[in-house]
């Protein structure tokens, strides 16, 4: 297996900056942020659950047990 050289800010010789002038950094950032909902569980909590479905099932049970006006 070949060792990978460290990455640098320089482009490879076969690339030219002019090849990349149409690119825009963070073009889809707002869309991804608006449509994503990531929740990170603490390790001790995550160790209780076997799958994302089991987490969702328990949370739905808790939501259904709440009084209707307590949901926020």
PDB file of N, CA and C in Angstrom:
ATOM      1  N   UNK A   1       0.839  -1.174   0.000  1.00  0.00           N
ATOM      2  CA  UNK A   1       0.000   0.000   0.000  1.00  0.00           C
ATOM      3  C   UNK A   1       0.889   1.244   0.000  1.00  0.00           C
ATOM      4  N   UNK A   2       0.564   2.219  -0.832  1.00  0.00           N
ATOM      5  CA  UNK A   2       1.350   3.431  -0.912  1.00  0.00           C
ATOM      6  C   UNK A   2       1.019   4.354   0.246  1.00  0.00           C
ATOM      7  N   UNK A   3       2.021   5.074   0.698  1.00  0.00           N
ATOM      8  CA  UNK A   3       1.783   6.083   1.722  1.00  0.00           C
ATOM      9  C   UNK A   3       1.255   7.340   1.041  1.00  0.00           C
ATOM     10  N   UNK A   4       0.280   7.961   1.663  1.00  0.00           N
ATOM     11  CA  UNK A   4      -0.311   9.172   1.104  1.00  0.00           C
ATOM     12  C   UNK A   4       0.463  10.368   1.622  1.00  0.00           C
ATOM     13  N   UNK A   5       0.875  11.211   0.700  1.00  0.00           N
ATOM     14  CA  UNK A   5       1.557  12.433   1.107  1.00  0.00           C
ATOM     15  C   UNK A   5       0.556  13.388   1.729  1.00  0.00           C
ATOM     16  N   UNK A   6       1.027  14.247   2.580  1.00  0.00           N
ATOM     17  CA  UNK A   6       0.119  15.190   3.228  1.00  0.00           C
ATOM     18  C   UNK A   6      -0.471  16.139   2.196  1.00  0.00           C
ATOM     19  N   UNK A   7      -1.713  16.504   2.431  1.00  0.00           N
ATOM     20  CA  UNK A   7      -2.407  17.406   1.512  1.00  0.00           C
ATOM     21  C   UNK A   7      -1.880  18.823   1.705  1.00  0.00           C
ATOM     22  N   UNK A   8      -1.837  19.564   0.639  1.00  0.00           N
ATOM     23  CA  UNK A   8      -1.453  20.966   0.726  1.00  0.00           C
ATOM     24  C   UNK A   8      -2.481  21.796  -0.030  1.00  0.00           C
ATOM     25  N   UNK A   9      -2.353  23.082   0.051  1.00  0.00           N
ATOM     26  CA  UNK A   9      -3.283  23.976  -0.628  1.00  0.00           C
ATOM     27  C   UNK A   9      -3.000  24.086  -2.122  1.00  0.00           C
ATOM     28  N   UNK A  10      -1.906  23.522  -2.569  1.00  0.00           N
ATOM     29  CA  UNK A  10      -1.537  23.611  -3.980  1.00  0.00           C
ATOM     30  C   UNK A  10      -2.303  22.588  -4.804  1.00  0.00           C
ATOM     31  N   UNK A  11      -2.641  22.983  -6.010  1.00  0.00           N
ATOM     32  CA  UNK A  11      -3.305  22.070  -6.939  1.00  0.00           C
ATOM     33  C   UNK A  11      -2.269  21.169  -7.589  1.00  0.00           C
ATOM     34  N   UNK A  12      -2.708  20.035  -8.063  1.00  0.00           N
ATOM     35  CA  UNK A  12      -1.822  19.172  -8.824  1.00  0.00           C
ATOM     36  C   UNK A  12      -1.425  19.877 -10.115  1.00  0.00           C
ATOM     37  N   UNK A  13      -0.342  19.459 -10.699  1.00  0.00           N
ATOM     38  CA  UNK A  13       0.159  20.101 -11.918  1.00  0.00           C
ATOM     39  C   UNK A  13      -0.841  20.038 -13.065  1.00  0.00           C
ATOM     40  N   UNK A  14      -1.631  18.955 -13.137  1.00  0.00           N
ATOM     41  CA  UNK A  14      -2.552  18.811 -14.264  1.00  0.00           C
ATOM     42  C   UNK A  14      -3.822  19.666 -14.125  1.00  0.00           C
ATOM     43  N   UNK A  15      -4.018  20.272 -12.959  1.00  0.00           N
ATOM     44  CA  UNK A  15      -5.188  21.128 -12.754  1.00  0.00           C
ATOM     45  C   UNK A  15      -4.820  22.590 -12.914  1.00  0.00           C
ATOM     46  N   UNK A  16      -5.783  23.346 -13.387  1.00  0.00           N
ATOM     47  CA  UNK A  16      -5.597  24.793 -13.484  1.00  0.00           C
ATOM     48  C   UNK A  16      -6.714  25.458 -12.695  1.00  0.00           C
ATOM     49  N   UNK A  17      -6.415  26.558 -12.051  1.00  0.00           N
ATOM     50  CA  UNK A  17      -7.434  27.293 -11.298  1.00  0.00           C
ATOM     51  C   UNK A  17      -8.602  27.692 -12.197  1.00  0.00           C
ATOM     52  N   UNK A  18      -8.338  27.962 -13.445  1.00  0.00           N
ATOM     53  CA  UNK A  18      -9.395  28.368 -14.367  1.00  0.00           C
ATOM     54  C   UNK A  18     -10.414  27.244 -14.598  1.00  0.00           C
ATOM     55  N   UNK A  19     -10.050  25.999 -14.329  1.00  0.00           N
ATOM     56  CA  UNK A  19     -10.982  24.881 -14.466  1.00  0.00           C
ATOM     57  C   UNK A  19     -12.061  24.907 -13.386  1.00  0.00           C
ATOM     58  N   UNK A  20     -11.843  25.649 -12.318  1.00  0.00           N
ATOM     59  CA  UNK A  20     -12.734  25.630 -11.170  1.00  0.00           C
ATOM     60  C   UNK A  20     -13.415  26.967 -10.896  1.00  0.00           C
ATOM     61  N   UNK A  21     -13.467  27.843 -11.859  1.00  0.00           N
ATOM     62  CA  UNK A  21     -14.007  29.180 -11.610  1.00  0.00           C
ATOM     63  C   UNK A  21     -15.516  29.185 -11.373  1.00  0.00           C
ATOM     64  N   UNK A  22     -16.253  28.161 -11.780  1.00  0.00           N
ATOM     65  CA  UNK A  22     -17.699  28.136 -11.584  1.00  0.00           C
ATOM     66  C   UNK A  22     -18.127  27.578 -10.239  1.00  0.00           C
ATOM     67  N   UNK A  23     -17.178  27.148  -9.440  1.00  0.00           N
ATOM     68  CA  UNK A  23     -17.512  26.542  -8.160  1.00  0.00           C
ATOM     69  C   UNK A  23     -17.822  27.595  -7.112  1.00  0.00           C
ATOM     70  N   UNK A  24     -18.689  27.228  -6.174  1.00  0.00           N
ATOM     71  CA  UNK A  24     -19.068  28.141  -5.103  1.00  0.00           C
ATOM     72  C   UNK A  24     -18.991  27.389  -3.786  1.00  0.00           C
ATOM     73  N   UNK A  25     -18.233  27.909  -2.865  1.00  0.00           N
ATOM     74  CA  UNK A  25     -18.071  27.251  -1.568  1.00  0.00           C
ATOM     75  C   UNK A  25     -19.355  27.383  -0.755  1.00  0.00           C
ATOM     76  N   UNK A  26     -19.828  26.278  -0.205  1.00  0.00           N
ATOM     77  CA  UNK A  26     -21.014  26.294   0.640  1.00  0.00           C
ATOM     78  C   UNK A  26     -22.311  26.517  -0.105  1.00  0.00           C
ATOM     79  N   UNK A  27     -22.342  26.164  -1.374  1.00  0.00           N
ATOM     80  CA  UNK A  27     -23.504  26.431  -2.224  1.00  0.00           C
ATOM     81  C   UNK A  27     -24.781  25.822  -1.653  1.00  0.00           C
ATOM     82  N   UNK A  28     -24.709  24.630  -1.106  1.00  0.00           N
ATOM     83  CA  UNK A  28     -25.896  23.930  -0.612  1.00  0.00           C
ATOM     84  C   UNK A  28     -25.991  23.931   0.915  1.00  0.00           C
ATOM     85  N   UNK A  29     -25.147  24.688   1.587  1.00  0.00           N
ATOM     86  CA  UNK A  29     -25.105  24.685   3.046  1.00  0.00           C
ATOM     87  C   UNK A  29     -26.457  25.038   3.666  1.00  0.00           C
ATOM     88  N   UNK A  30     -27.086  26.098   3.219  1.00  0.00           N
ATOM     89  CA  UNK A  30     -28.362  26.535   3.803  1.00  0.00           C
ATOM     90  C   UNK A  30     -29.449  25.482   3.607  1.00  0.00           C
ATOM     91  N   UNK A  31     -29.501  24.871   2.438  1.00  0.00           N
ATOM     92  CA  UNK A  31     -30.515  23.848   2.163  1.00  0.00           C
ATOM     93  C   UNK A  31     -30.315  22.624   3.057  1.00  0.00           C
ATOM     94  N   UNK A  32     -29.075  22.184   3.193  1.00  0.00           N
ATOM     95  CA  UNK A  32     -28.794  21.020   4.028  1.00  0.00           C
ATOM     96  C   UNK A  32     -29.101  21.328   5.487  1.00  0.00           C
ATOM     97  N   UNK A  33     -28.710  22.497   5.938  1.00  0.00           N
ATOM     98  CA  UNK A  33     -28.968  22.876   7.334  1.00  0.00           C
ATOM     99  C   UNK A  33     -30.465  22.959   7.613  1.00  0.00           C
ATOM    100  N   UNK A  34     -31.238  23.458   6.671  1.00  0.00           N
ATOM    101  CA  UNK A  34     -32.681  23.605   6.861  1.00  0.00           C
ATOM    102  C   UNK A  34     -33.401  22.261   6.855  1.00  0.00           C
ATOM    103  N   UNK A  35     -32.873  21.276   6.150  1.00  0.00           N
ATOM    104  CA  UNK A  35     -33.567  19.997   6.025  1.00  0.00           C
ATOM    105  C   UNK A  35     -32.960  18.904   6.898  1.00  0.00           C
ATOM    106  N   UNK A  36     -31.920  19.215   7.660  1.00  0.00           N
ATOM    107  CA  UNK A  36     -31.273  18.214   8.503  1.00  0.00           C
ATOM    108  C   UNK A  36     -31.627  18.439   9.961  1.00  0.00           C
ATOM    109  N   UNK A  37     -31.753  17.341  10.685  1.00  0.00           N
ATOM    110  CA  UNK A  37     -32.009  17.421  12.107  1.00  0.00           C
ATOM    111  C   UNK A  37     -31.207  16.313  12.768  1.00  0.00           C
ATOM    112  N   UNK A  38     -30.020  16.644  13.219  1.00  0.00           N
ATOM    113  CA  UNK A  38     -29.138  15.660  13.817  1.00  0.00           C
ATOM    114  C   UNK A  38     -29.162  15.843  15.330  1.00  0.00           C
ATOM    115  N   UNK A  39     -29.397  14.744  16.028  1.00  0.00           N
ATOM    116  CA  UNK A  39     -29.380  14.753  17.486  1.00  0.00           C
ATOM    117  C   UNK A  39     -28.291  13.785  17.923  1.00  0.00           C
ATOM    118  N   UNK A  40     -27.389  14.251  18.765  1.00  0.00           N
ATOM    119  CA  UNK A  40     -26.299  13.407  19.238  1.00  0.00           C
ATOM    120  C   UNK A  40     -26.600  13.005  20.685  1.00  0.00           C
ATOM    121  N   UNK A  41     -26.656  11.707  20.912  1.00  0.00           N
ATOM    122  CA  UNK A  41     -26.927  11.190  22.244  1.00  0.00           C
ATOM    123  C   UNK A  41     -25.627  11.046  23.024  1.00  0.00           C
ATOM    124  N   UNK A  42     -25.705  11.253  24.322  1.00  0.00           N
ATOM    125  CA  UNK A  42     -24.551  10.986  25.172  1.00  0.00           C
ATOM    126  C   UNK A  42     -24.265   9.487  25.135  1.00  0.00           C
ATOM    127  N   UNK A  43     -23.004   9.105  25.285  1.00  0.00           N
ATOM    128  CA  UNK A  43     -22.648   7.685  25.173  1.00  0.00           C
ATOM    129  C   UNK A  43     -23.439   6.769  26.106  1.00  0.00           C
ATOM    130  N   UNK A  44     -23.692   7.214  27.342  1.00  0.00           N
ATOM    131  CA  UNK A  44     -24.428   6.354  28.269  1.00  0.00           C
ATOM    132  C   UNK A  44     -25.874   6.152  27.836  1.00  0.00           C
ATOM    133  N   UNK A  45     -26.460   7.149  27.215  1.00  0.00           N
ATOM    134  CA  UNK A  45     -27.829   7.034  26.704  1.00  0.00           C
ATOM    135  C   UNK A  45     -27.837   6.166  25.448  1.00  0.00           C
ATOM    136  N   UNK A  46     -26.899   6.396  24.560  1.00  0.00           N
ATOM    137  CA  UNK A  46     -26.836   5.644  23.304  1.00  0.00           C
ATOM    138  C   UNK A  46     -26.600   4.161  23.542  1.00  0.00           C
ATOM    139  N   UNK A  47     -25.913   3.811  24.616  1.00  0.00           N
ATOM    140  CA  UNK A  47     -25.617   2.400  24.880  1.00  0.00           C
ATOM    141  C   UNK A  47     -26.873   1.596  25.221  1.00  0.00           C
ATOM    142  N   UNK A  48     -27.962   2.276  25.593  1.00  0.00           N
ATOM    143  CA  UNK A  48     -29.208   1.600  25.943  1.00  0.00           C
ATOM    144  C   UNK A  48     -29.960   1.141  24.696  1.00  0.00           C
ATOM    145  N   UNK A  49     -29.770   1.817  23.578  1.00  0.00           N
ATOM    146  CA  UNK A  49     -30.555   1.568  22.372  1.00  0.00           C
ATOM    147  C   UNK A  49     -29.771   0.760  21.351  1.00  0.00           C
ATOM    148  N   UNK A  50     -30.483  -0.117  20.640  1.00  0.00           N
ATOM    149  CA  UNK A  50     -29.854  -0.960  19.631  1.00  0.00           C
ATOM    150  C   UNK A  50     -29.937  -0.359  18.236  1.00  0.00           C
ATOM    151  N   UNK A  51     -30.902   0.542  18.027  1.00  0.00           N
ATOM    152  CA  UNK A  51     -31.090   1.089  16.677  1.00  0.00           C
ATOM    153  C   UNK A  51     -31.781   2.446  16.766  1.00  0.00           C
ATOM    154  N   UNK A  52     -31.719   3.224  15.687  1.00  0.00           N
ATOM    155  CA  UNK A  52     -32.457   4.497  15.655  1.00  0.00           C
ATOM    156  C   UNK A  52     -33.973   4.286  15.794  1.00  0.00           C
ATOM    157  N   UNK A  53     -34.451   3.161  15.281  1.00  0.00           N
ATOM    158  CA  UNK A  53     -35.888   2.883  15.375  1.00  0.00           C
ATOM    159  C   UNK A  53     -36.327   2.727  16.823  1.00  0.00           C
ATOM    160  N   UNK A  54     -35.487   2.108  17.655  1.00  0.00           N
ATOM    161  CA  UNK A  54     -35.846   1.935  19.064  1.00  0.00           C
ATOM    162  C   UNK A  54     -35.870   3.271  19.795  1.00  0.00           C
ATOM    163  N   UNK A  55     -34.983   4.175  19.429  1.00  0.00           N
ATOM    164  CA  UNK A  55     -34.993   5.519  20.013  1.00  0.00           C
ATOM    165  C   UNK A  55     -36.280   6.242  19.624  1.00  0.00           C
ATOM    166  N   UNK A  56     -36.613   6.193  18.339  1.00  0.00           N
ATOM    167  CA  UNK A  56     -37.832   6.852  17.865  1.00  0.00           C
ATOM    168  C   UNK A  56     -39.076   6.263  18.518  1.00  0.00           C
ATOM    169  N   UNK A  57     -39.111   4.967  18.689  1.00  0.00           N
ATOM    170  CA  UNK A  57     -40.261   4.315  19.306  1.00  0.00           C
ATOM    171  C   UNK A  57     -40.461   4.799  20.739  1.00  0.00           C
ATOM    172  N   UNK A  58     -39.380   4.846  21.509  1.00  0.00           N
ATOM    173  CA  UNK A  58     -39.484   5.313  22.889  1.00  0.00           C
ATOM    174  C   UNK A  58     -39.900   6.782  22.943  1.00  0.00           C
ATOM    175  N   UNK A  59     -39.317   7.602  22.101  1.00  0.00           N
ATOM    176  CA  UNK A  59     -39.664   9.026  22.098  1.00  0.00           C
ATOM    177  C   UNK A  59     -41.125   9.246  21.710  1.00  0.00           C
ATOM    178  N   UNK A  60     -41.626   8.465  20.759  1.00  0.00           N
ATOM    179  CA  UNK A  60     -43.044   8.583  20.392  1.00  0.00           C
ATOM    180  C   UNK A  60     -43.943   8.188  21.554  1.00  0.00           C
ATOM    181  N   UNK A  61     -43.543   7.185  22.309  1.00  0.00           N
ATOM    182  CA  UNK A  61     -44.312   6.784  23.488  1.00  0.00           C
ATOM    183  C   UNK A  61     -44.358   7.907  24.525  1.00  0.00           C
ATOM    184  N   UNK A  62     -43.235   8.538  24.728  1.00  0.00           N
ATOM    185  CA  UNK A  62     -43.178   9.657  25.684  1.00  0.00           C
ATOM    186  C   UNK A  62     -44.038  10.814  25.190  1.00  0.00           C
ATOM    187  N   UNK A  63     -43.958  11.116  23.908  1.00  0.00           N
ATOM    188  CA  UNK A  63     -44.760  12.205  23.336  1.00  0.00           C
ATOM    189  C   UNK A  63     -46.248  11.924  23.499  1.00  0.00           C
ATOM    190  N   UNK A  64     -46.659  10.693  23.232  1.00  0.00           N
ATOM    191  CA  UNK A  64     -48.077  10.332  23.367  1.00  0.00           C
ATOM    192  C   UNK A  64     -48.545  10.379  24.815  1.00  0.00           C
ATOM    193  N   UNK A  65     -47.637  10.162  25.773  1.00  0.00           N
ATOM    194  CA  UNK A  65     -47.993  10.184  27.180  1.00  0.00           C
ATOM    195  C   UNK A  65     -48.109  11.598  27.733  1.00  0.00           C
ATOM    196  N   UNK A  66     -47.522  12.575  27.039  1.00  0.00           N
ATOM    197  CA  UNK A  66     -47.593  13.961  27.498  1.00  0.00           C
ATOM    198  C   UNK A  66     -49.005  14.513  27.355  1.00  0.00           C
ATOM    199  N   UNK A  67     -49.380  15.414  28.262  1.00  0.00           N
ATOM    200  CA  UNK A  67     -50.659  16.119  28.064  1.00  0.00           C
ATOM    201  C   UNK A  67     -50.591  16.923  26.764  1.00  0.00           C
ATOM    202  N   UNK A  68     -51.702  17.077  26.099  1.00  0.00           N
ATOM    203  CA  UNK A  68     -51.733  17.744  24.780  1.00  0.00           C
ATOM    204  C   UNK A  68     -51.165  19.156  24.812  1.00  0.00           C
ATOM    205  N   UNK A  69     -51.392  19.892  25.902  1.00  0.00           N
ATOM    206  CA  UNK A  69     -50.900  21.280  25.959  1.00  0.00           C
ATOM    207  C   UNK A  69     -49.435  21.376  26.417  1.00  0.00           C
ATOM    208  N   UNK A  70     -48.811  20.255  26.753  1.00  0.00           N
ATOM    209  CA  UNK A  70     -47.417  20.270  27.229  1.00  0.00           C
ATOM    210  C   UNK A  70     -46.417  20.100  26.115  1.00  0.00           C
ATOM    211  N   UNK A  71     -46.881  19.762  24.911  1.00  0.00           N
ATOM    212  CA  UNK A  71     -45.955  19.537  23.798  1.00  0.00           C
ATOM    213  C   UNK A  71     -45.353  20.854  23.344  1.00  0.00           C
ATOM    214  N   UNK A  72     -44.029  20.855  23.229  1.00  0.00           N
ATOM    215  CA  UNK A  72     -43.344  22.083  22.801  1.00  0.00           C
ATOM    216  C   UNK A  72     -42.257  21.761  21.838  1.00  0.00           C
TER     217      UNK A  72
END
